[in-house]
Amino acid sequence: MTRSPCWRKPKRGKTGEPHPWVVGKAEVQNYLSVVQERAKSWLAIGNGRP
């Protein structure tokens, strides 16, 4: 069985470079805000409101 490319370890960056998956609190908060707004819109559509 071959391993999927998405499960491979990322290549190591140069010393001193930030980790590519660490984005910070502000980016996480922004993501969660977008998810919340999308959930609200889907709930409104489900209830028959635009």
PDB file of N, CA and C in Angstrom:
ATOM      1  N   MET A   1       0.846  -1.174   0.000  1.00  0.00           N
ATOM      2  CA  MET A   1       0.000   0.000   0.000  1.00  0.00           C
ATOM      3  C   MET A   1       0.893   1.239   0.000  1.00  0.00           C
ATOM      4  N   THR A   2       0.596   2.155  -0.880  1.00  0.00           N
ATOM      5  CA  THR A   2       1.385   3.381  -0.935  1.00  0.00           C
ATOM      6  C   THR A   2       0.791   4.418  -0.006  1.00  0.00           C
ATOM      7  N   ARG A   3       1.638   5.268   0.465  1.00  0.00           N
ATOM      8  CA  ARG A   3       1.178   6.325   1.364  1.00  0.00           C
ATOM      9  C   ARG A   3       0.708   7.522   0.552  1.00  0.00           C
ATOM     10  N   SER A   4      -0.367   8.112   0.980  1.00  0.00           N
ATOM     11  CA  SER A   4      -0.904   9.289   0.321  1.00  0.00           C
ATOM     12  C   SER A   4       0.038  10.472   0.540  1.00  0.00           C
ATOM     13  N   PRO A   5       0.218  11.330  -0.467  1.00  0.00           N
ATOM     14  CA  PRO A   5       1.109  12.482  -0.296  1.00  0.00           C
ATOM     15  C   PRO A   5       0.684  13.415   0.834  1.00  0.00           C
ATOM     16  N   CYS A   6      -0.612  13.461   1.134  1.00  0.00           N
ATOM     17  CA  CYS A   6      -1.064  14.381   2.176  1.00  0.00           C
ATOM     18  C   CYS A   6      -0.653  13.918   3.567  1.00  0.00           C
ATOM     19  N   TRP A   7      -0.224  12.671   3.719  1.00  0.00           N
ATOM     20  CA  TRP A   7       0.159  12.173   5.033  1.00  0.00           C
ATOM     21  C   TRP A   7       1.670  12.196   5.246  1.00  0.00           C
ATOM     22  N   ARG A   8       2.380  12.580   4.255  1.00  0.00           N
ATOM     23  CA  ARG A   8       3.838  12.629   4.404  1.00  0.00           C
ATOM     24  C   ARG A   8       4.231  13.806   5.271  1.00  0.00           C
ATOM     25  N   LYS A   9       5.364  13.659   5.940  1.00  0.00           N
ATOM     26  CA  LYS A   9       5.863  14.749   6.769  1.00  0.00           C
ATOM     27  C   LYS A   9       6.326  15.891   5.878  1.00  0.00           C
ATOM     28  N   PRO A  10       6.070  17.138   6.294  1.00  0.00           N
ATOM     29  CA  PRO A  10       6.568  18.264   5.497  1.00  0.00           C
ATOM     30  C   PRO A  10       8.093  18.330   5.579  1.00  0.00           C
ATOM     31  N   LYS A  11       8.687  18.869   4.553  1.00  0.00           N
ATOM     32  CA  LYS A  11      10.135  19.022   4.557  1.00  0.00           C
ATOM     33  C   LYS A  11      10.520  20.037   5.622  1.00  0.00           C
ATOM     34  N   ARG A  12      11.655  19.809   6.219  1.00  0.00           N
ATOM     35  CA  ARG A  12      12.124  20.723   7.256  1.00  0.00           C
ATOM     36  C   ARG A  12      12.527  22.050   6.630  1.00  0.00           C
ATOM     37  N   GLY A  13      12.135  23.124   7.295  1.00  0.00           N
ATOM     38  CA  GLY A  13      12.527  24.441   6.841  1.00  0.00           C
ATOM     39  C   GLY A  13      13.912  24.791   7.349  1.00  0.00           C
ATOM     40  N   LYS A  14      14.352  25.951   6.965  1.00  0.00           N
ATOM     41  CA  LYS A  14      15.656  26.418   7.430  1.00  0.00           C
ATOM     42  C   LYS A  14      15.552  26.835   8.889  1.00  0.00           C
ATOM     43  N   THR A  15      16.660  26.816   9.583  1.00  0.00           N
ATOM     44  CA  THR A  15      16.685  27.212  10.977  1.00  0.00           C
ATOM     45  C   THR A  15      16.202  28.654  11.106  1.00  0.00           C
ATOM     46  N   GLY A  16      15.286  28.865  12.042  1.00  0.00           N
ATOM     47  CA  GLY A  16      14.766  30.208  12.284  1.00  0.00           C
ATOM     48  C   GLY A  16      13.473  30.525  11.554  1.00  0.00           C
ATOM     49  N   GLU A  17      13.082  29.685  10.585  1.00  0.00           N
ATOM     50  CA  GLU A  17      11.825  29.915   9.873  1.00  0.00           C
ATOM     51  C   GLU A  17      10.660  29.483  10.753  1.00  0.00           C
ATOM     52  N   PRO A  18       9.527  30.190  10.675  1.00  0.00           N
ATOM     53  CA  PRO A  18       8.377  29.783  11.475  1.00  0.00           C
ATOM     54  C   PRO A  18       7.789  28.468  10.960  1.00  0.00           C
ATOM     55  N   HIS A  19       7.130  27.748  11.841  1.00  0.00           N
ATOM     56  CA  HIS A  19       6.490  26.486  11.464  1.00  0.00           C
ATOM     57  C   HIS A  19       5.335  26.803  10.514  1.00  0.00           C
ATOM     58  N   PRO A  20       5.187  26.082   9.413  1.00  0.00           N
ATOM     59  CA  PRO A  20       4.157  26.413   8.424  1.00  0.00           C
ATOM     60  C   PRO A  20       2.732  26.192   8.911  1.00  0.00           C
ATOM     61  N   TRP A  21       2.527  25.396   9.945  1.00  0.00           N
ATOM     62  CA  TRP A  21       1.171  25.122  10.420  1.00  0.00           C
ATOM     63  C   TRP A  21       0.788  25.969  11.621  1.00  0.00           C
ATOM     64  N   VAL A  22       1.708  26.748  12.166  1.00  0.00           N
ATOM     65  CA  VAL A  22       1.397  27.617  13.297  1.00  0.00           C
ATOM     66  C   VAL A  22       1.030  28.974  12.731  1.00  0.00           C
ATOM     67  N   VAL A  23      -0.254  29.347  12.876  1.00  0.00           N
ATOM     68  CA  VAL A  23      -0.726  30.567  12.241  1.00  0.00           C
ATOM     69  C   VAL A  23      -1.019  31.694  13.221  1.00  0.00           C
ATOM     70  N   GLY A  24      -1.219  31.396  14.479  1.00  0.00           N
ATOM     71  CA  GLY A  24      -1.459  32.416  15.481  1.00  0.00           C
ATOM     72  C   GLY A  24      -2.927  32.575  15.840  1.00  0.00           C
ATOM     73  N   LYS A  25      -3.172  33.247  16.958  1.00  0.00           N
ATOM     74  CA  LYS A  25      -4.521  33.407  17.487  1.00  0.00           C
ATOM     75  C   LYS A  25      -5.416  34.216  16.559  1.00  0.00           C
ATOM     76  N   ALA A  26      -4.891  35.264  15.942  1.00  0.00           N
ATOM     77  CA  ALA A  26      -5.710  36.116  15.076  1.00  0.00           C
ATOM     78  C   ALA A  26      -6.241  35.339  13.870  1.00  0.00           C
ATOM     79  N   GLU A  27      -5.419  34.513  13.267  1.00  0.00           N
ATOM     80  CA  GLU A  27      -5.859  33.723  12.113  1.00  0.00           C
ATOM     81  C   GLU A  27      -6.885  32.672  12.522  1.00  0.00           C
ATOM     82  N   VAL A  28      -6.701  32.062  13.677  1.00  0.00           N
ATOM     83  CA  VAL A  28      -7.667  31.079  14.158  1.00  0.00           C
ATOM     84  C   VAL A  28      -9.000  31.764  14.440  1.00  0.00           C
ATOM     85  N   GLN A  29      -8.970  32.935  15.068  1.00  0.00           N
ATOM     86  CA  GLN A  29     -10.197  33.671  15.350  1.00  0.00           C
ATOM     87  C   GLN A  29     -10.910  34.054  14.059  1.00  0.00           C
ATOM     88  N   ASN A  30     -10.165  34.476  13.061  1.00  0.00           N
ATOM     89  CA  ASN A  30     -10.750  34.812  11.769  1.00  0.00           C
ATOM     90  C   ASN A  30     -11.424  33.591  11.150  1.00  0.00           C
ATOM     91  N   TYR A  31     -10.754  32.466  11.185  1.00  0.00           N
ATOM     92  CA  TYR A  31     -11.324  31.223  10.648  1.00  0.00           C
ATOM     93  C   TYR A  31     -12.624  30.869  11.369  1.00  0.00           C
ATOM     94  N   LEU A  32     -12.609  30.942  12.695  1.00  0.00           N
ATOM     95  CA  LEU A  32     -13.799  30.587  13.456  1.00  0.00           C
ATOM     96  C   LEU A  32     -14.943  31.562  13.194  1.00  0.00           C
ATOM     97  N   SER A  33     -14.637  32.824  12.947  1.00  0.00           N
ATOM     98  CA  SER A  33     -15.674  33.805  12.603  1.00  0.00           C
ATOM     99  C   SER A  33     -16.326  33.447  11.273  1.00  0.00           C
ATOM    100  N   VAL A  34     -15.538  33.059  10.312  1.00  0.00           N
ATOM    101  CA  VAL A  34     -16.072  32.667   9.005  1.00  0.00           C
ATOM    102  C   VAL A  34     -16.950  31.425   9.145  1.00  0.00           C
ATOM    103  N   VAL A  35     -16.494  30.443   9.924  1.00  0.00           N
ATOM    104  CA  VAL A  35     -17.274  29.229  10.138  1.00  0.00           C
ATOM    105  C   VAL A  35     -18.596  29.576  10.808  1.00  0.00           C
ATOM    106  N   GLN A  36     -18.570  30.457  11.784  1.00  0.00           N
ATOM    107  CA  GLN A  36     -19.789  30.848  12.486  1.00  0.00           C
ATOM    108  C   GLN A  36     -20.775  31.547  11.548  1.00  0.00           C
ATOM    109  N   GLU A  37     -20.295  32.450  10.717  1.00  0.00           N
ATOM    110  CA  GLU A  37     -21.169  33.157   9.779  1.00  0.00           C
ATOM    111  C   GLU A  37     -21.770  32.189   8.761  1.00  0.00           C
ATOM    112  N   ARG A  38     -20.993  31.240   8.300  1.00  0.00           N
ATOM    113  CA  ARG A  38     -21.515  30.248   7.355  1.00  0.00           C
ATOM    114  C   ARG A  38     -22.584  29.385   8.019  1.00  0.00           C
ATOM    115  N   ALA A  39     -22.354  29.007   9.263  1.00  0.00           N
ATOM    116  CA  ALA A  39     -23.341  28.199   9.980  1.00  0.00           C
ATOM    117  C   ALA A  39     -24.644  28.979  10.151  1.00  0.00           C
ATOM    118  N   LYS A  40     -24.539  30.256  10.478  1.00  0.00           N
ATOM    119  CA  LYS A  40     -25.736  31.087  10.619  1.00  0.00           C
ATOM    120  C   LYS A  40     -26.511  31.160   9.311  1.00  0.00           C
ATOM    121  N   SER A  41     -25.794  31.310   8.203  1.00  0.00           N
ATOM    122  CA  SER A  41     -26.476  31.417   6.917  1.00  0.00           C
ATOM    123  C   SER A  41     -27.151  30.106   6.544  1.00  0.00           C
ATOM    124  N   TRP A  42     -26.501  28.968   6.824  1.00  0.00           N
ATOM    125  CA  TRP A  42     -27.117  27.678   6.533  1.00  0.00           C
ATOM    126  C   TRP A  42     -28.350  27.442   7.401  1.00  0.00           C
ATOM    127  N   LEU A  43     -28.288  27.875   8.651  1.00  0.00           N
ATOM    128  CA  LEU A  43     -29.462  27.740   9.514  1.00  0.00           C
ATOM    129  C   LEU A  43     -30.608  28.615   9.014  1.00  0.00           C
ATOM    130  N   ALA A  44     -30.285  29.825   8.555  1.00  0.00           N
ATOM    131  CA  ALA A  44     -31.317  30.720   8.031  1.00  0.00           C
ATOM    132  C   ALA A  44     -31.941  30.141   6.768  1.00  0.00           C
ATOM    133  N   ILE A  45     -31.131  29.560   5.901  1.00  0.00           N
ATOM    134  CA  ILE A  45     -31.664  28.944   4.677  1.00  0.00           C
ATOM    135  C   ILE A  45     -32.560  27.769   5.040  1.00  0.00           C
ATOM    136  N   GLY A  46     -32.158  26.999   6.023  1.00  0.00           N
ATOM    137  CA  GLY A  46     -32.949  25.849   6.451  1.00  0.00           C
ATOM    138  C   GLY A  46     -34.279  26.245   7.046  1.00  0.00           C
ATOM    139  N   ASN A  47     -34.358  27.447   7.617  1.00  0.00           N
ATOM    140  CA  ASN A  47     -35.594  27.939   8.212  1.00  0.00           C
ATOM    141  C   ASN A  47     -36.439  28.720   7.216  1.00  0.00           C
ATOM    142  N   GLY A  48     -36.002  28.781   5.964  1.00  0.00           N
ATOM    143  CA  GLY A  48     -36.770  29.476   4.932  1.00  0.00           C
ATOM    144  C   GLY A  48     -36.539  30.968   4.855  1.00  0.00           C
ATOM    145  N   ARG A  49     -35.525  31.457   5.562  1.00  0.00           N
ATOM    146  CA  ARG A  49     -35.202  32.887   5.480  1.00  0.00           C
ATOM    147  C   ARG A  49     -34.012  33.081   4.559  1.00  0.00           C
ATOM    148  N   PRO A  50     -33.983  34.205   3.860  1.00  0.00           N
ATOM    149  CA  PRO A  50     -32.828  34.447   2.963  1.00  0.00           C
ATOM    150  C   PRO A  50     -31.575  34.810   3.718  1.00  0.00           C
TER     151      PRO A  50
END
